Protein backbone atom coordinates (compact mmCIF):
# COMPACT_ATOMS: atom_id res chain seq x y z
CA MET A 1 0.00 0.00 0.00
CA ASN A 2 2.78 2.42 0.92
CA LYS A 3 4.56 1.58 -2.34
CA ARG A 4 1.44 2.40 -4.35
CA VAL A 5 0.99 5.70 -2.51
CA LYS A 6 4.63 6.53 -3.18
CA ILE A 7 4.27 5.79 -6.91
CA SER A 8 1.02 7.78 -7.09
CA SER A 9 2.71 10.75 -5.41
CA VAL A 10 5.56 10.65 -7.88
CA LEU A 11 3.13 10.47 -10.81
CA LEU A 12 1.18 13.41 -9.38
CA VAL A 13 4.34 15.52 -9.13
CA VAL A 14 5.32 14.59 -12.71
CA PHE A 15 1.83 15.50 -13.92
CA MET A 16 1.96 18.86 -12.12
CA LEU A 17 5.36 19.65 -13.65
CA LEU A 18 4.19 18.69 -17.14
CA ASN A 19 1.03 20.73 -16.72
CA SER A 20 3.11 23.70 -15.55
CA CYS A 21 5.34 23.42 -18.64
CA ILE A 22 2.30 23.25 -20.93
CA GLN A 23 0.76 26.30 -19.28
CA GLU A 24 4.09 28.15 -19.59
CA SER A 25 4.31 27.37 -23.30
CA GLU A 26 0.70 28.49 -23.78
CA LYS A 27 1.23 31.95 -22.34
CA MET A 28 -0.26 34.67 -24.50
CA LYS A 29 2.41 36.44 -26.53
CA ILE A 30 2.43 40.20 -27.12
CA ALA A 31 5.27 41.92 -28.98
CA LEU A 32 6.93 45.31 -28.80
CA MET A 33 8.69 46.28 -32.04
CA LEU A 34 11.31 49.02 -31.61
CA PRO A 35 13.13 50.86 -34.41
CA THR A 36 16.50 50.74 -32.65
CA LEU A 37 18.25 50.21 -29.33
CA ASN A 38 20.93 52.78 -30.16
CA ILE A 39 18.85 55.42 -28.39
CA SER A 40 19.15 54.71 -24.66
CA ARG A 41 15.50 55.30 -23.77
CA PHE A 42 14.38 52.35 -25.91
CA HIS A 43 16.24 50.02 -23.54
CA LYS A 44 13.92 51.27 -20.81
CA ASP A 45 10.84 50.71 -22.98
CA SER A 46 11.86 47.08 -23.49
CA VAL A 47 12.56 46.42 -19.79
CA PHE A 48 9.33 48.03 -18.53
CA PHE A 49 7.26 46.32 -21.22
CA VAL A 50 8.58 42.83 -20.44
CA LYS A 51 8.05 43.35 -16.68
CA GLU A 52 4.45 44.48 -17.18
CA ALA A 53 3.73 41.60 -19.57
CA GLU A 54 5.00 39.15 -16.95
CA LYS A 55 2.79 40.77 -14.30
CA LEU A 56 -0.17 40.29 -16.61
CA GLY A 57 0.69 36.62 -17.11
CA CYS A 58 1.90 37.08 -20.69
CA GLU A 59 5.12 36.64 -22.58
CA GLY A 60 6.47 40.00 -23.73
CA LEU A 61 8.58 39.72 -26.87
CA VAL A 62 10.85 42.62 -27.89
CA VAL A 63 12.68 43.13 -31.18
CA SER A 64 14.84 45.96 -32.51
CA ALA A 65 15.14 46.66 -36.25
CA ASP A 66 18.42 48.63 -36.24
CA ASN A 67 16.62 51.37 -38.22
CA ASN A 68 16.07 48.97 -41.12
CA GLU A 69 12.55 49.02 -42.64
CA GLN A 70 12.85 45.64 -44.36
CA LEU A 71 14.21 44.02 -41.20
CA GLN A 72 11.29 45.39 -39.19
CA PHE A 73 8.81 43.98 -41.73
CA ASP A 74 10.55 40.58 -41.55
CA GLN A 75 10.43 40.73 -37.74
CA ALA A 76 6.68 41.40 -37.84
CA LYS A 77 6.16 38.31 -39.98
CA GLU A 78 8.31 36.22 -37.65
CA LEU A 79 6.46 37.44 -34.55
CA ILE A 80 3.11 36.61 -36.13
CA ASP A 81 4.41 33.14 -37.03
CA LYS A 82 5.51 32.71 -33.39
CA GLY A 83 1.95 33.34 -32.25
CA ALA A 84 2.04 36.96 -31.11
CA LYS A 85 -1.55 38.13 -30.63
CA VAL A 86 -0.74 41.84 -30.72
CA LEU A 87 2.05 43.82 -32.40
CA ILE A 88 2.96 47.10 -30.66
CA ILE A 89 4.86 49.02 -33.32
CA ALA A 90 7.29 51.93 -33.00
CA ALA A 91 8.04 52.19 -36.69
CA VAL A 92 11.35 52.73 -38.44
CA ASN A 93 9.32 54.54 -41.09
CA SER A 94 5.79 55.55 -40.14
CA ASN A 95 4.91 56.06 -43.82
CA THR A 96 5.54 52.42 -44.81
CA ALA A 97 4.55 50.71 -41.55
CA GLY A 98 1.06 50.10 -42.93
CA LEU A 99 2.47 47.05 -44.71
CA MET A 100 3.01 45.41 -41.33
CA VAL A 101 -0.45 46.40 -40.14
CA ARG A 102 -2.12 44.92 -43.23
CA MET A 103 -0.15 41.69 -42.84
CA ALA A 104 -1.22 41.50 -39.17
CA ILE A 105 -4.88 42.07 -40.07
CA ASP A 106 -4.73 39.25 -42.63
CA LYS A 107 -3.52 36.93 -39.86
CA GLY A 108 -6.06 38.10 -37.28
CA VAL A 109 -3.40 39.91 -35.22
CA LYS A 110 -4.19 43.25 -33.53
CA THR A 111 -1.88 46.27 -33.78
CA ILE A 112 -1.01 49.25 -31.61
CA SER A 113 0.91 52.31 -32.75
CA TYR A 114 3.54 53.04 -30.09
CA ASP A 115 5.15 56.41 -29.30
CA GLY A 116 3.97 57.87 -32.59
CA VAL A 117 1.50 57.37 -35.40
CA LEU A 118 1.51 54.78 -38.20
CA ASN A 119 0.27 56.55 -41.33
CA ASN A 120 -2.56 55.52 -43.64
CA CYS A 121 -3.45 52.16 -42.13
CA ASP A 122 -6.12 50.45 -40.04
CA VAL A 123 -4.14 50.27 -36.79
CA ASP A 124 -6.37 49.49 -33.79
CA TYR A 125 -5.06 51.88 -31.12
CA CYS A 126 -2.35 54.47 -30.55
CA ILE A 127 -0.44 54.91 -27.27
CA SER A 128 1.86 57.86 -27.39
CA PHE A 129 2.76 61.33 -26.24
CA ASP A 130 1.45 64.57 -27.72
CA ASN A 131 4.31 65.26 -30.10
CA GLU A 132 3.19 68.81 -30.87
CA LYS A 133 3.24 69.46 -27.13
CA ILE A 134 6.83 68.16 -26.99
CA GLY A 135 7.80 70.76 -29.60
CA GLU A 136 5.90 73.47 -27.74
CA LEU A 137 7.67 72.67 -24.46
CA MET A 138 11.07 72.86 -26.18
CA ALA A 139 10.35 76.18 -27.88
CA GLN A 140 8.69 77.69 -24.80
CA TYR A 141 11.75 76.88 -22.72
CA ALA A 142 14.09 78.30 -25.37
CA VAL A 143 12.26 81.62 -25.70
CA SER A 144 12.02 81.94 -21.91
CA LYS A 145 15.83 81.85 -21.73
CA ALA A 146 16.68 83.44 -25.08
CA PRO A 147 13.74 85.63 -26.18
CA GLN A 148 15.74 87.10 -29.05
CA GLY A 149 18.67 86.18 -31.26
CA GLU A 150 19.59 83.59 -33.85
CA TYR A 151 18.14 80.07 -33.59
CA VAL A 152 19.19 76.75 -35.08
CA ILE A 153 16.49 74.07 -35.32
CA LEU A 154 17.53 70.42 -35.57
CA GLY A 155 14.57 68.12 -36.11
CA GLY A 156 14.45 64.34 -35.82
CA ASP A 157 14.37 61.90 -38.72
CA LYS A 158 12.02 63.31 -41.37
CA SER A 159 10.67 59.84 -42.23
CA ASN A 160 9.24 59.69 -38.71
CA LEU A 161 5.94 61.52 -38.27
CA ASN A 162 6.94 62.34 -34.68
CA ALA A 163 9.64 64.66 -36.03
CA ILE A 164 7.12 66.52 -38.20
CA GLN A 165 4.64 66.92 -35.35
CA ILE A 166 7.36 68.13 -32.96
CA ARG A 167 8.37 70.72 -35.56
CA GLN A 168 4.76 71.90 -35.82
CA GLY A 169 4.70 72.48 -32.07
CA GLN A 170 7.96 74.43 -32.20
CA GLU A 171 6.73 76.61 -35.06
CA LYS A 172 3.52 77.42 -33.20
CA VAL A 173 5.53 78.97 -30.33
CA LEU A 174 8.27 80.60 -32.42
CA ALA A 175 6.04 82.16 -35.11
CA PRO A 176 5.17 85.40 -33.24
CA TYR A 177 8.79 85.95 -32.19
CA ILE A 178 9.93 85.48 -35.77
CA ALA A 179 7.18 87.79 -37.09
CA GLN A 180 8.28 90.52 -34.64
CA GLY A 181 11.92 90.14 -35.70
CA LYS A 182 13.03 89.07 -32.23
CA ILE A 183 14.16 85.62 -33.38
CA LYS A 184 15.80 84.71 -36.66
CA VAL A 185 16.08 81.05 -37.65
CA THR A 186 19.48 80.90 -39.37
CA PHE A 187 19.56 77.14 -39.92
CA ASP A 188 16.81 74.53 -39.99
CA THR A 189 17.20 70.85 -40.89
CA TYR A 190 16.28 67.31 -39.92
CA VAL A 191 18.75 64.76 -38.51
CA GLU A 192 18.75 61.25 -39.93
CA ASN A 193 17.99 58.55 -37.34
CA TRP A 194 17.92 61.22 -34.59
CA ASN A 195 21.67 60.56 -34.39
CA ARG A 196 24.18 62.34 -32.14
CA ASP A 197 27.14 62.03 -34.50
CA GLU A 198 25.08 63.29 -37.44
CA ALA A 199 23.93 66.30 -35.40
CA TYR A 200 27.53 66.99 -34.39
CA MET A 201 28.68 67.02 -38.02
CA ILE A 202 25.76 69.26 -39.09
CA VAL A 203 26.48 71.87 -36.40
CA LYS A 204 30.21 71.64 -36.97
CA ARG A 205 29.72 72.44 -40.67
CA TYR A 206 27.33 75.24 -39.74
CA LEU A 207 29.79 76.87 -37.34
CA ASN A 208 32.75 76.50 -39.68
CA GLY A 209 30.76 77.80 -42.65
CA LEU A 210 29.75 81.29 -43.64
CA CYS A 211 27.92 81.96 -40.40
CA GLY A 212 30.73 81.42 -37.94
CA LYS A 213 28.59 82.54 -35.03
CA VAL A 214 27.22 80.54 -32.11
CA PRO A 215 23.42 80.90 -32.05
CA ALA A 216 21.38 81.96 -29.04
CA ALA A 217 19.56 78.62 -29.05
CA VAL A 218 19.72 75.18 -30.61
CA ILE A 219 16.36 73.45 -30.51
CA GLY A 220 17.36 69.80 -30.66
CA ALA A 221 14.55 67.28 -31.19
CA ASN A 222 16.02 64.80 -28.69
CA ASP A 223 18.90 64.50 -26.23
CA GLU A 224 21.14 62.77 -28.75
CA ILE A 225 20.80 65.67 -31.19
CA GLY A 226 21.27 68.24 -28.42
CA LEU A 227 24.42 66.49 -27.19
CA GLY A 228 25.87 66.38 -30.71
CA ALA A 229 25.27 70.11 -31.05
CA ILE A 230 26.96 70.81 -27.69
CA LYS A 231 30.05 68.85 -28.72
CA ALA A 232 30.34 70.87 -31.95
CA VAL A 233 29.98 74.20 -30.11
CA GLU A 234 32.57 73.24 -27.48
CA GLU A 235 35.06 72.28 -30.19
CA TYR A 236 34.39 75.52 -32.06
CA TYR A 237 35.81 77.56 -29.16
CA HIS A 238 39.20 75.77 -29.40
CA GLY A 239 39.86 75.82 -25.68
CA GLU A 240 38.61 79.36 -25.10
CA SER A 241 35.92 80.12 -22.54
CA VAL A 242 32.83 78.37 -23.85
CA VAL A 243 29.49 80.15 -23.97
CA LEU A 244 26.87 77.57 -24.84
CA PRO A 245 23.53 78.36 -26.44
CA VAL A 246 20.25 77.25 -24.93
CA VAL A 247 20.03 73.58 -26.00
CA THR A 248 16.87 71.48 -25.80
CA GLY A 249 16.21 67.75 -26.04
CA GLN A 250 13.78 65.00 -25.10
CA ASP A 251 13.81 61.51 -23.52
CA ALA A 252 15.58 62.35 -20.23
CA SER A 253 18.45 60.07 -21.24
CA VAL A 254 21.32 59.45 -18.82
CA ASP A 255 23.76 61.44 -20.97
CA GLY A 256 21.24 64.24 -21.47
CA CYS A 257 20.50 64.53 -17.75
CA VAL A 258 24.20 64.41 -16.83
CA SER A 259 24.73 67.24 -19.31
CA ILE A 260 21.88 69.22 -17.72
CA VAL A 261 23.30 69.01 -14.18
CA GLU A 262 26.71 69.95 -15.61
CA GLY A 263 25.13 73.14 -17.01
CA LYS A 264 25.52 72.23 -20.69
CA GLN A 265 22.23 70.94 -22.11
CA SER A 266 19.50 73.28 -20.91
CA MET A 267 16.42 71.06 -20.75
CA THR A 268 14.84 67.81 -21.77
CA VAL A 269 11.24 66.76 -22.22
CA TYR A 270 10.64 63.89 -19.82
CA LYS A 271 8.34 61.25 -21.24
CA PRO A 272 7.35 58.79 -18.46
CA ILE A 273 8.39 55.66 -20.38
CA ILE A 274 7.35 53.29 -17.61
CA GLN A 275 3.77 54.53 -17.97
CA LEU A 276 3.93 54.34 -21.78
CA ALA A 277 5.31 50.79 -21.88
CA SER A 278 3.08 49.51 -19.08
CA THR A 279 -0.02 51.00 -20.67
CA ALA A 280 0.89 49.43 -24.02
CA ALA A 281 1.18 46.00 -22.40
CA GLU A 282 -2.13 46.41 -20.55
CA VAL A 283 -4.00 47.55 -23.68
CA ALA A 284 -2.44 44.74 -25.75
CA VAL A 285 -3.68 42.08 -23.32
CA LYS A 286 -7.20 43.53 -23.22
CA LEU A 287 -7.22 43.86 -27.00
CA ALA A 288 -6.18 40.24 -27.44
CA LYS A 289 -8.91 39.12 -25.03
CA GLY A 290 -11.59 41.28 -26.65
CA GLN A 291 -12.05 43.36 -23.50
CA LYS A 292 -13.00 47.03 -23.27
CA ILE A 293 -10.09 49.48 -23.56
CA GLU A 294 -10.21 52.22 -20.95
CA GLY A 295 -8.29 55.48 -20.63
CA ILE A 296 -8.86 56.75 -24.19
CA ASN A 297 -8.31 60.52 -23.98
CA ALA A 298 -7.78 61.54 -27.62
CA THR A 299 -8.12 60.52 -31.25
CA THR A 300 -5.36 60.69 -33.84
CA ASN A 301 -6.05 60.92 -37.57
CA ASN A 302 -3.46 58.95 -39.54
CA GLY A 303 -4.84 59.71 -42.99
CA TYR A 304 -6.94 56.55 -43.00
CA LYS A 305 -9.08 56.91 -39.88
CA ASP A 306 -9.34 58.46 -36.43
CA ILE A 307 -7.41 56.15 -34.11
CA PRO A 308 -8.53 55.81 -30.47
CA THR A 309 -5.53 57.18 -28.56
CA ILE A 310 -4.10 57.24 -25.06
CA LEU A 311 -1.75 60.19 -24.57
CA ILE A 312 0.69 60.12 -21.64
CA ASN A 313 1.54 63.37 -19.83
CA LEU A 314 4.82 65.20 -20.50
CA ILE A 315 7.12 67.19 -18.19
CA SER A 316 9.67 69.90 -19.04
CA VAL A 317 12.82 69.16 -17.02
CA ASP A 318 15.86 71.31 -16.30
CA LYS A 319 18.45 71.59 -13.54
CA GLN A 320 15.88 72.98 -11.10
CA ASN A 321 13.38 70.12 -11.14
CA ILE A 322 15.40 67.10 -12.32
CA GLU A 323 15.46 65.55 -8.83
CA SER A 324 11.73 65.99 -8.23
CA THR A 325 10.79 64.43 -11.57
CA VAL A 326 13.15 62.07 -13.38
CA ILE A 327 14.98 60.89 -10.25
CA ALA A 328 11.99 60.90 -7.87
CA ASP A 329 10.07 58.73 -10.35
CA GLY A 330 12.89 56.18 -10.36
CA PHE A 331 13.38 56.66 -14.09
CA LEU A 332 17.07 57.40 -13.45
CA ASN A 333 19.19 56.89 -10.34
CA LYS A 334 20.73 59.93 -8.69
CA ALA A 335 24.15 58.27 -8.86
CA ASP A 336 23.80 57.96 -12.64
CA VAL A 337 23.07 61.65 -13.08
CA TYR A 338 25.35 63.29 -10.52
CA LYS A 339 28.78 61.96 -11.47
């Protein structure tokens, strides 16, 4: 009798283990598709997304496309083949991302536009920040510190709709100053891949060209661009006393925030990534289960339809409030920022 009980107990344990493995393999899969991991904030998106997916009992898959449109399309196909129920897409190119959305629809997979808008496609939801507001916050800060003088505007990658919307927000604030002759935009361009080195080379050429004058402000579309501009300006002085322009950015990256406390970069727009990524995971799970999506606070027209949208709040951060925002939220550690 004891022997039988012993064997039965062993079989029960084996059954429980096998059942656990089956349940593990049957976890719902949701996927976050990022354009790159070369911008530090996207590492945070991936970490927060995976953690939230685990909390919700799902498997959170993350891929990065290295800014390659074809690779991102191939990744979408692979994720669908792996059984992902929802694709959360931060596109390499928002103008061509509709190809991924149409493929997902054909396979019965839901889609969410992440941190921006996917143009001209039937995407289900959008979870993002108000990109025009980002541009407004940058320009408002710049004019509060430099209400007159020459301005350089360095936008993000022009293939990304975020960059266009940010520019629209900047123009809205700057227009009256320009009309009154208080501000003159002496250089205005977009920076491929939002890249620091590219921004550095652009500003270096600008300073060494016909202008040869450091502007009152450089409105950089993200921290990487702002940091590239700062490097070019510092080099331009050739060891002399450096007078930096007002320099803006976004993302509250480690390097950007270090630069702010050092008195170099002037401000960054803090986008609470933990809230963005967590919300995306929550919406994806509800979408996959056919449940009601709550928290919709806007609609976004992408040229095809009005997309139900959740916009996350933004915060303008400089040296004065960096501890009460970015650090207090646990987005960055104080030790990382104050070297």
